PDB file of all heavy atoms in Angstrom:
ATOM      1  N   ARG A   1      13.853  13.978   8.561  1.00  0.00           N
ATOM      2  CA  ARG A   1      13.352  13.626   7.244  1.00  0.00           C
ATOM      3  C   ARG A   1      11.843  13.844   7.175  1.00  0.00           C
ATOM      4  O   ARG A   1      11.126  13.648   8.158  1.00  0.00           O
ATOM      5  CB  ARG A   1      13.690  12.172   6.916  1.00  0.00           C
ATOM      6  CG  ARG A   1      15.205  11.898   6.886  1.00  0.00           C
ATOM      7  CD  ARG A   1      15.523  10.422   6.718  1.00  0.00           C
ATOM      8  NE  ARG A   1      14.991   9.878   5.467  1.00  0.00           N
ATOM      9  CZ  ARG A   1      15.558  10.036   4.277  1.00  0.00           C
ATOM     10  NH1 ARG A   1      16.668  10.749   4.163  1.00  0.00           N
ATOM     11  NH2 ARG A   1      15.028   9.497   3.197  1.00  0.00           N
ATOM     12  N   VAL A   2      11.372  14.254   5.995  1.00  0.00           N
ATOM     13  CA  VAL A   2       9.952  14.529   5.766  1.00  0.00           C
ATOM     14  C   VAL A   2       9.376  13.476   4.835  1.00  0.00           C
ATOM     15  O   VAL A   2       9.944  13.195   3.766  1.00  0.00           O
ATOM     16  CB  VAL A   2       9.737  15.927   5.152  1.00  0.00           C
ATOM     17  CG1 VAL A   2       8.253  16.159   4.843  1.00  0.00           C
ATOM     18  CG2 VAL A   2      10.256  17.016   6.085  1.00  0.00           C
ATOM     19  N   PHE A   3       8.246  12.906   5.233  1.00  0.00           N
ATOM     20  CA  PHE A   3       7.518  11.937   4.420  1.00  0.00           C
ATOM     21  C   PHE A   3       6.384  12.654   3.706  1.00  0.00           C
ATOM     22  O   PHE A   3       5.667  13.476   4.284  1.00  0.00           O
ATOM     23  CB  PHE A   3       6.950  10.837   5.320  1.00  0.00           C
ATOM     24  CG  PHE A   3       6.061   9.847   4.616  1.00  0.00           C
ATOM     25  CD1 PHE A   3       6.590   8.715   4.025  1.00  0.00           C
ATOM     26  CD2 PHE A   3       4.686  10.045   4.556  1.00  0.00           C
ATOM     27  CE1 PHE A   3       5.778   7.792   3.375  1.00  0.00           C
ATOM     28  CE2 PHE A   3       3.856   9.137   3.917  1.00  0.00           C
ATOM     29  CZ  PHE A   3       4.408   8.011   3.318  1.00  0.00           C
ATOM     30  N   LEU A   4       6.209  12.337   2.417  1.00  0.00           N
ATOM     31  CA  LEU A   4       5.093  12.864   1.637  1.00  0.00           C
ATOM     32  C   LEU A   4       4.487  11.722   0.840  1.00  0.00           C
ATOM     33  O   LEU A   4       5.208  10.867   0.322  1.00  0.00           O
ATOM     34  CB  LEU A   4       5.549  13.958   0.671  1.00  0.00           C
ATOM     35  CG  LEU A   4       6.332  15.136   1.248  1.00  0.00           C
ATOM     36  CD1 LEU A   4       7.816  14.963   0.947  1.00  0.00           C
ATOM     37  CD2 LEU A   4       5.842  16.452   0.663  1.00  0.00           C
ATOM     38  N   ALA A   5       3.165  11.712   0.744  1.00  0.00           N
ATOM     39  CA  ALA A   5       2.501  10.679  -0.054  1.00  0.00           C
ATOM     40  C   ALA A   5       1.231  11.240  -0.658  1.00  0.00           C
ATOM     41  O   ALA A   5       0.534  12.045  -0.045  1.00  0.00           O
ATOM     42  CB  ALA A   5       2.173   9.449   0.793  1.00  0.00           C
ATOM     43  N   MET A   6       0.950  10.826  -1.889  1.00  0.00           N
ATOM     44  CA  MET A   6      -0.359  11.042  -2.493  1.00  0.00           C
ATOM     45  C   MET A   6      -0.857   9.690  -2.966  1.00  0.00           C
ATOM     46  O   MET A   6      -0.081   8.838  -3.412  1.00  0.00           O
ATOM     47  CB  MET A   6      -0.294  12.041  -3.656  1.00  0.00           C
ATOM     48  CG  MET A   6       0.352  11.511  -4.921  1.00  0.00           C
ATOM     49  SD  MET A   6       0.171  12.642  -6.327  1.00  0.00           S
ATOM     50  CE  MET A   6       1.634  13.665  -6.104  1.00  0.00           C
ATOM     51  N   ASN A   7      -2.175   9.492  -2.853  1.00  0.00           N
ATOM     52  CA  ASN A   7      -2.780   8.231  -3.254  1.00  0.00           C
ATOM     53  C   ASN A   7      -3.750   8.464  -4.405  1.00  0.00           C
ATOM     54  O   ASN A   7      -4.500   9.443  -4.418  1.00  0.00           O
ATOM     55  CB  ASN A   7      -3.531   7.598  -2.074  1.00  0.00           C
ATOM     56  CG  ASN A   7      -2.616   7.249  -0.926  1.00  0.00           C
ATOM     57  OD1 ASN A   7      -1.442   6.969  -1.135  1.00  0.00           O
ATOM     58  ND2 ASN A   7      -3.136   7.258   0.286  1.00  0.00           N
ATOM     59  N   VAL A   8      -3.745   7.547  -5.368  1.00  0.00           N
ATOM     60  CA  VAL A   8      -4.654   7.605  -6.519  1.00  0.00           C
ATOM     61  C   VAL A   8      -5.259   6.215  -6.720  1.00  0.00           C
ATOM     62  O   VAL A   8      -5.007   5.300  -5.962  1.00  0.00           O
ATOM     63  CB  VAL A   8      -3.924   8.082  -7.799  1.00  0.00           C
ATOM     64  CG1 VAL A   8      -3.388   9.501  -7.621  1.00  0.00           C
ATOM     65  CG2 VAL A   8      -2.773   7.136  -8.165  1.00  0.00           C
ATOM     66  N   ASN A   9      -6.054   6.074  -7.773  1.00  0.00           N
ATOM     67  CA  ASN A   9      -6.744   4.800  -8.052  1.00  0.00           C
ATOM     68  C   ASN A   9      -7.602   4.344  -6.880  1.00  0.00           C
ATOM     69  O   ASN A   9      -7.394   3.278  -6.295  1.00  0.00           O
ATOM     70  CB  ASN A   9      -5.748   3.701  -8.425  1.00  0.00           C
ATOM     71  CG  ASN A   9      -5.284   3.785  -9.859  1.00  0.00           C
ATOM     72  OD1 ASN A   9      -6.038   4.195 -10.737  1.00  0.00           O
ATOM     73  ND2 ASN A   9      -4.040   3.400 -10.108  1.00  0.00           N
ATOM     74  N   PRO A  10      -8.633   5.135  -6.507  1.00  0.00           N
ATOM     75  CA  PRO A  10      -9.469   4.746  -5.360  1.00  0.00           C
ATOM     76  C   PRO A  10     -10.248   3.475  -5.610  1.00  0.00           C
ATOM     77  O   PRO A  10     -10.519   3.096  -6.743  1.00  0.00           O
ATOM     78  CB  PRO A  10     -10.418   5.949  -5.222  1.00  0.00           C
ATOM     79  CG  PRO A  10     -10.466   6.553  -6.586  1.00  0.00           C
ATOM     80  CD  PRO A  10      -9.088   6.377  -7.158  1.00  0.00           C
ATOM     81  N   PHE A  11     -10.596   2.811  -4.511  1.00  0.00           N
ATOM     82  CA  PHE A  11     -11.436   1.609  -4.516  1.00  0.00           C
ATOM     83  C   PHE A  11     -10.835   0.499  -5.383  1.00  0.00           C
ATOM     84  O   PHE A  11     -11.544  -0.190  -6.114  1.00  0.00           O
ATOM     85  CB  PHE A  11     -12.857   1.934  -4.981  1.00  0.00           C
ATOM     86  CG  PHE A  11     -13.544   2.955  -4.133  1.00  0.00           C
ATOM     87  CD1 PHE A  11     -13.792   4.231  -4.619  1.00  0.00           C
ATOM     88  CD2 PHE A  11     -13.930   2.653  -2.835  1.00  0.00           C
ATOM     89  CE1 PHE A  11     -14.413   5.180  -3.833  1.00  0.00           C
ATOM     90  CE2 PHE A  11     -14.550   3.605  -2.039  1.00  0.00           C
ATOM     91  CZ  PHE A  11     -14.795   4.869  -2.543  1.00  0.00           C
ATOM     92  N   ALA A  12      -9.509   0.342  -5.302  1.00  0.00           N
ATOM     93  CA  ALA A  12      -8.845  -0.727  -6.047  1.00  0.00           C
ATOM     94  C   ALA A  12      -9.175  -2.074  -5.402  1.00  0.00           C
ATOM     95  O   ALA A  12      -9.001  -2.275  -4.204  1.00  0.00           O
ATOM     96  CB  ALA A  12      -7.336  -0.503  -6.069  1.00  0.00           C
ATOM     97  N   ILE A  13      -9.644  -3.009  -6.219  1.00  0.00           N
ATOM     98  CA  ILE A  13     -10.082  -4.322  -5.750  1.00  0.00           C
ATOM     99  C   ILE A  13      -8.897  -5.277  -5.761  1.00  0.00           C
ATOM    100  O   ILE A  13      -8.228  -5.429  -6.783  1.00  0.00           O
ATOM    101  CB  ILE A  13     -11.207  -4.866  -6.644  1.00  0.00           C
ATOM    102  CG1 ILE A  13     -12.387  -3.881  -6.655  1.00  0.00           C
ATOM    103  CG2 ILE A  13     -11.659  -6.237  -6.178  1.00  0.00           C
ATOM    104  CD1 ILE A  13     -13.433  -4.212  -7.686  1.00  0.00           C
ATOM    105  N   PRO A  14      -8.593  -5.922  -4.635  1.00  0.00           N
ATOM    106  CA  PRO A  14      -7.436  -6.822  -4.598  1.00  0.00           C
ATOM    107  C   PRO A  14      -7.449  -7.882  -5.685  1.00  0.00           C
ATOM    108  O   PRO A  14      -6.396  -8.250  -6.208  1.00  0.00           O
ATOM    109  CB  PRO A  14      -7.522  -7.434  -3.198  1.00  0.00           C
ATOM    110  CG  PRO A  14      -8.227  -6.406  -2.381  1.00  0.00           C
ATOM    111  CD  PRO A  14      -9.222  -5.777  -3.295  1.00  0.00           C
ATOM    112  N   ALA A  15      -8.623  -8.375  -6.059  1.00  0.00           N
ATOM    113  CA  ALA A  15      -8.698  -9.424  -7.072  1.00  0.00           C
ATOM    114  C   ALA A  15      -8.239  -8.942  -8.441  1.00  0.00           C
ATOM    115  O   ALA A  15      -7.926  -9.751  -9.313  1.00  0.00           O
ATOM    116  CB  ALA A  15     -10.131  -9.950  -7.168  1.00  0.00           C
ATOM    117  N   SER A  16      -8.187  -7.619  -8.627  1.00  0.00           N
ATOM    118  CA  SER A  16      -7.760  -7.065  -9.924  1.00  0.00           C
ATOM    119  C   SER A  16      -6.516  -6.200  -9.765  1.00  0.00           C
ATOM    120  O   SER A  16      -6.325  -5.233 -10.502  1.00  0.00           O
ATOM    121  CB  SER A  16      -8.897  -6.233 -10.536  1.00  0.00           C
ATOM    122  OG  SER A  16     -10.052  -7.005 -10.735  1.00  0.00           O
ATOM    123  N   SER A  17      -5.666  -6.530  -8.822  1.00  0.00           N
ATOM    124  CA  SER A  17      -4.534  -5.668  -8.489  1.00  0.00           C
ATOM    125  C   SER A  17      -3.615  -5.393  -9.671  1.00  0.00           C
ATOM    126  O   SER A  17      -3.024  -4.311  -9.771  1.00  0.00           O
ATOM    127  CB  SER A  17      -3.732  -6.282  -7.334  1.00  0.00           C
ATOM    128  OG  SER A  17      -3.254  -7.571  -7.690  1.00  0.00           O
ATOM    129  N   SER A  18      -3.506  -6.323 -10.597  1.00  0.00           N
ATOM    130  CA  SER A  18      -2.580  -6.131 -11.719  1.00  0.00           C
ATOM    131  C   SER A  18      -3.103  -5.145 -12.745  1.00  0.00           C
ATOM    132  O   SER A  18      -2.380  -4.773 -13.674  1.00  0.00           O
ATOM    133  CB  SER A  18      -2.306  -7.478 -12.400  1.00  0.00           C
ATOM    134  OG  SER A  18      -3.501  -8.024 -12.938  1.00  0.00           O
ATOM    135  N   THR A  19      -4.352  -4.690 -12.601  1.00  0.00           N
ATOM    136  CA  THR A  19      -4.922  -3.775 -13.587  1.00  0.00           C
ATOM    137  C   THR A  19      -4.770  -2.311 -13.192  1.00  0.00           C
ATOM    138  O   THR A  19      -5.116  -1.428 -13.974  1.00  0.00           O
ATOM    139  CB  THR A  19      -6.421  -4.065 -13.797  1.00  0.00           C
ATOM    140  OG1 THR A  19      -7.140  -3.744 -12.598  1.00  0.00           O
ATOM    141  CG2 THR A  19      -6.641  -5.535 -14.137  1.00  0.00           C
ATOM    142  N   TYR A  20      -4.278  -2.041 -11.976  1.00  0.00           N
ATOM    143  CA  TYR A  20      -4.164  -0.653 -11.517  1.00  0.00           C
ATOM    144  C   TYR A  20      -2.747  -0.154 -11.763  1.00  0.00           C
ATOM    145  O   TYR A  20      -1.770  -0.748 -11.327  1.00  0.00           O
ATOM    146  CB  TYR A  20      -4.521  -0.552 -10.033  1.00  0.00           C
ATOM    147  CG  TYR A  20      -5.933  -0.987  -9.760  1.00  0.00           C
ATOM    148  CD1 TYR A  20      -6.204  -2.252  -9.237  1.00  0.00           C
ATOM    149  CD2 TYR A  20      -7.006  -0.152 -10.045  1.00  0.00           C
ATOM    150  CE1 TYR A  20      -7.508  -2.657  -8.992  1.00  0.00           C
ATOM    151  CE2 TYR A  20      -8.316  -0.554  -9.814  1.00  0.00           C
ATOM    152  CZ  TYR A  20      -8.556  -1.804  -9.288  1.00  0.00           C
ATOM    153  OH  TYR A  20      -9.851  -2.209  -9.056  1.00  0.00           O
ATOM    154  N   ARG A  21      -2.662   0.963 -12.467  1.00  0.00           N
ATOM    155  CA  ARG A  21      -1.360   1.507 -12.832  1.00  0.00           C
ATOM    156  C   ARG A  21      -1.425   3.023 -12.804  1.00  0.00           C
ATOM    157  O   ARG A  21      -2.477   3.623 -12.593  1.00  0.00           O
ATOM    158  CB  ARG A  21      -0.945   1.000 -14.212  1.00  0.00           C
ATOM    159  CG  ARG A  21      -1.937   1.339 -15.316  1.00  0.00           C
ATOM    160  CD  ARG A  21      -1.519   0.713 -16.636  1.00  0.00           C
ATOM    161  NE  ARG A  21      -1.563  -0.742 -16.582  1.00  0.00           N
ATOM    162  CZ  ARG A  21      -2.656  -1.467 -16.844  1.00  0.00           C
ATOM    163  NH1 ARG A  21      -3.784  -0.858 -17.177  1.00  0.00           N
ATOM    164  NH2 ARG A  21      -2.628  -2.775 -16.779  1.00  0.00           N
ATOM    165  N   TYR A  22      -0.286   3.653 -13.024  1.00  0.00           N
ATOM    166  CA  TYR A  22      -0.191   5.101 -13.129  1.00  0.00           C
ATOM    167  C   TYR A  22      -0.175   5.476 -14.613  1.00  0.00           C
ATOM    168  O   TYR A  22       0.303   4.714 -15.449  1.00  0.00           O
ATOM    169  CB  TYR A  22       1.080   5.604 -12.451  1.00  0.00           C
ATOM    170  CG  TYR A  22       1.229   5.126 -11.030  1.00  0.00           C
ATOM    171  CD1 TYR A  22       1.861   3.919 -10.739  1.00  0.00           C
ATOM    172  CD2 TYR A  22       0.746   5.879  -9.966  1.00  0.00           C
ATOM    173  CE1 TYR A  22       2.004   3.467  -9.438  1.00  0.00           C
ATOM    174  CE2 TYR A  22       0.891   5.445  -8.656  1.00  0.00           C
ATOM    175  CZ  TYR A  22       1.515   4.224  -8.397  1.00  0.00           C
ATOM    176  OH  TYR A  22       1.651   3.779  -7.111  1.00  0.00           O
ATOM    177  N   SER A  23      -0.660   6.659 -14.921  1.00  0.00           N
ATOM    178  CA  SER A  23      -0.693   7.078 -16.319  1.00  0.00           C
ATOM    179  C   SER A  23       0.678   7.571 -16.766  1.00  0.00           C
ATOM    180  O   SER A  23       1.254   8.464 -16.130  1.00  0.00           O
ATOM    181  CB  SER A  23      -1.713   8.187 -16.527  1.00  0.00           C
ATOM    182  OG  SER A  23      -1.614   8.689 -17.847  1.00  0.00           O
ATOM    183  N   PRO A  24       1.211   7.042 -17.868  1.00  0.00           N
ATOM    184  CA  PRO A  24       2.478   7.550 -18.397  1.00  0.00           C
ATOM    185  C   PRO A  24       2.329   8.938 -19.017  1.00  0.00           C
ATOM    186  O   PRO A  24       3.341   9.574 -19.342  1.00  0.00           O
ATOM    187  CB  PRO A  24       2.873   6.504 -19.444  1.00  0.00           C
ATOM    188  CG  PRO A  24       1.582   5.859 -19.844  1.00  0.00           C
ATOM    189  CD  PRO A  24       0.708   5.878 -18.627  1.00  0.00           C
ATOM    190  N   ASP A  25       1.092   9.416 -19.151  1.00  0.00           N
ATOM    191  CA  ASP A  25       0.853  10.752 -19.704  1.00  0.00           C
ATOM    192  C   ASP A  25       0.809  11.832 -18.635  1.00  0.00           C
ATOM    193  O   ASP A  25       0.863  13.019 -18.966  1.00  0.00           O
ATOM    194  CB  ASP A  25      -0.470  10.778 -20.474  1.00  0.00           C
ATOM    195  CG  ASP A  25      -0.458   9.891 -21.697  1.00  0.00           C
ATOM    196  OD1 ASP A  25       0.603   9.757 -22.331  1.00  0.00           O
ATOM    197  OD2 ASP A  25      -1.521   9.312 -22.004  1.00  0.00           O
ATOM    198  N   PHE A  26       0.677  11.442 -17.372  1.00  0.00           N
ATOM    199  CA  PHE A  26       0.448  12.421 -16.314  1.00  0.00           C
ATOM    200  C   PHE A  26       1.746  12.805 -15.617  1.00  0.00           C
ATOM    201  O   PHE A  26       2.689  12.003 -15.514  1.00  0.00           O
ATOM    202  CB  PHE A  26      -0.516  11.873 -15.262  1.00  0.00           C
ATOM    203  CG  PHE A  26      -1.919  11.631 -15.762  1.00  0.00           C
ATOM    204  CD1 PHE A  26      -2.832  10.902 -14.997  1.00  0.00           C
ATOM    205  CD2 PHE A  26      -2.343  12.118 -16.991  1.00  0.00           C
ATOM    206  CE1 PHE A  26      -4.116  10.674 -15.450  1.00  0.00           C
ATOM    207  CE2 PHE A  26      -3.634  11.895 -17.458  1.00  0.00           C
ATOM    208  CZ  PHE A  26      -4.518  11.161 -16.687  1.00  0.00           C
ATOM    209  N   LEU A  27       1.764  14.034 -15.105  1.00  0.00           N
ATOM    210  CA  LEU A  27       2.826  14.517 -14.231  1.00  0.00           C
ATOM    211  C   LEU A  27       2.257  14.628 -12.826  1.00  0.00           C
ATOM    212  O   LEU A  27       1.307  15.371 -12.580  1.00  0.00           O
ATOM    213  CB  LEU A  27       3.325  15.887 -14.700  1.00  0.00           C
ATOM    214  CG  LEU A  27       4.282  16.630 -13.757  1.00  0.00           C
ATOM    215  CD1 LEU A  27       5.571  15.842 -13.558  1.00  0.00           C
ATOM    216  CD2 LEU A  27       4.565  18.040 -14.291  1.00  0.00           C
ATOM    217  N   TYR A  28       2.824  13.863 -11.897  1.00  0.00           N
ATOM    218  CA  TYR A  28       2.422  13.872 -10.494  1.00  0.00           C
ATOM    219  C   TYR A  28       3.430  14.744  -9.730  1.00  0.00           C
ATOM    220  O   TYR A  28       4.647  14.528  -9.847  1.00  0.00           O
ATOM    221  CB  TYR A  28       2.428  12.463  -9.919  1.00  0.00           C
ATOM    222  CG  TYR A  28       1.540  11.477 -10.654  1.00  0.00           C
ATOM    223  CD1 TYR A  28       1.983  10.815 -11.809  1.00  0.00           C
ATOM    224  CD2 TYR A  28       0.261  11.168 -10.191  1.00  0.00           C
ATOM    225  CE1 TYR A  28       1.181   9.893 -12.484  1.00  0.00           C
ATOM    226  CE2 TYR A  28      -0.554  10.248 -10.846  1.00  0.00           C
ATOM    227  CZ  TYR A  28      -0.082   9.621 -11.997  1.00  0.00           C
ATOM    228  OH  TYR A  28      -0.875   8.706 -12.655  1.00  0.00           O
ATOM    229  N   GLU A  29       2.919  15.704  -8.947  1.00  0.00           N
ATOM    230  CA  GLU A  29       3.836  16.632  -8.265  1.00  0.00           C
ATOM    231  C   GLU A  29       3.457  16.837  -6.801  1.00  0.00           C
ATOM    232  O   GLU A  29       2.279  16.995  -6.462  1.00  0.00           O
ATOM    233  CB  GLU A  29       3.816  18.000  -8.944  1.00  0.00           C
ATOM    234  CG  GLU A  29       4.422  18.028 -10.331  1.00  0.00           C
ATOM    235  CD  GLU A  29       4.483  19.446 -10.880  1.00  0.00           C
ATOM    236  OE1 GLU A  29       3.468  19.919 -11.410  1.00  0.00           O
ATOM    237  OE2 GLU A  29       5.558  20.072 -10.769  1.00  0.00           O
ATOM    238  N   PHE A  30       4.471  16.837  -5.945  1.00  0.00           N
ATOM    239  CA  PHE A  30       4.360  17.379  -4.600  1.00  0.00           C
ATOM    240  C   PHE A  30       4.879  18.814  -4.668  1.00  0.00           C
ATOM    241  O   PHE A  30       5.971  19.057  -5.183  1.00  0.00           O
ATOM    242  CB  PHE A  30       5.200  16.579  -3.604  1.00  0.00           C
ATOM    243  CG  PHE A  30       4.744  15.158  -3.423  1.00  0.00           C
ATOM    244  CD1 PHE A  30       5.394  14.124  -4.077  1.00  0.00           C
ATOM    245  CD2 PHE A  30       3.672  14.859  -2.597  1.00  0.00           C
ATOM    246  CE1 PHE A  30       4.989  12.802  -3.914  1.00  0.00           C
ATOM    247  CE2 PHE A  30       3.259  13.546  -2.425  1.00  0.00           C
ATOM    248  CZ  PHE A  30       3.920  12.516  -3.087  1.00  0.00           C
ATOM    249  N   LYS A  31       4.097  19.749  -4.127  1.00  0.00           N
ATOM    250  CA  LYS A  31       4.497  21.145  -4.163  1.00  0.00           C
ATOM    251  C   LYS A  31       4.664  21.651  -2.737  1.00  0.00           C
ATOM    252  O   LYS A  31       3.808  21.407  -1.879  1.00  0.00           O
ATOM    253  CB  LYS A  31       3.467  21.976  -4.924  1.00  0.00           C
ATOM    254  CG  LYS A  31       3.355  21.550  -6.394  1.00  0.00           C
ATOM    255  CD  LYS A  31       2.499  22.490  -7.212  1.00  0.00           C
ATOM    256  CE  LYS A  31       2.559  22.116  -8.692  1.00  0.00           C
ATOM    257  NZ  LYS A  31       1.801  23.077  -9.534  1.00  0.00           N
ATOM    258  N   ILE A  32       5.766  22.357  -2.511  1.00  0.00           N
ATOM    259  CA  ILE A  32       6.117  22.814  -1.164  1.00  0.00           C
ATOM    260  C   ILE A  32       6.351  24.315  -1.202  1.00  0.00           C
ATOM    261  O   ILE A  32       7.178  24.814  -1.985  1.00  0.00           O
ATOM    262  CB  ILE A  32       7.379  22.096  -0.630  1.00  0.00           C
ATOM    263  CG1 ILE A  32       7.130  20.588  -0.514  1.00  0.00           C
ATOM    264  CG2 ILE A  32       7.791  22.664   0.718  1.00  0.00           C
ATOM    265  CD1 ILE A  32       7.554  19.780  -1.726  1.00  0.00           C
ATOM    266  N   ASP A  33       5.616  25.029  -0.368  1.00  0.00           N
ATOM    267  CA  ASP A  33       5.804  26.469  -0.169  1.00  0.00           C
ATOM    268  C   ASP A  33       6.552  26.657   1.139  1.00  0.00           C
ATOM    269  O   ASP A  33       6.050  26.281   2.194  1.00  0.00           O
ATOM    270  CB  ASP A  33       4.439  27.157  -0.136  1.00  0.00           C
ATOM    271  CG  ASP A  33       4.478  28.523   0.543  1.00  0.00           C
ATOM    272  OD1 ASP A  33       5.513  29.209   0.442  1.00  0.00           O
ATOM    273  OD2 ASP A  33       3.467  28.895   1.186  1.00  0.00           O
ATOM    274  N   ASN A  34       7.752  27.241   1.086  1.00  0.00           N
ATOM    275  CA  ASN A  34       8.524  27.451   2.313  1.00  0.00           C
ATOM    276  C   ASN A  34       8.650  28.916   2.699  1.00  0.00           C
ATOM    277  O   ASN A  34       9.469  29.272   3.553  1.00  0.00           O
ATOM    278  CB  ASN A  34       9.902  26.789   2.211  1.00  0.00           C
ATOM    279  CG  ASN A  34      10.721  27.292   1.035  1.00  0.00           C
ATOM    280  OD1 ASN A  34      10.604  28.456   0.633  1.00  0.00           O
ATOM    281  ND2 ASN A  34      11.568  26.418   0.475  1.00  0.00           N
TER     282      ASN A  34
END
């Protein structure tokens, strides 16, 4: 099995954890060239 991860929302402060979200307007993609 292959694991893939991308991280966004840098420098997220734990005290404000409920304010960090993903954009419903964006398309996030993993791209693989084989």
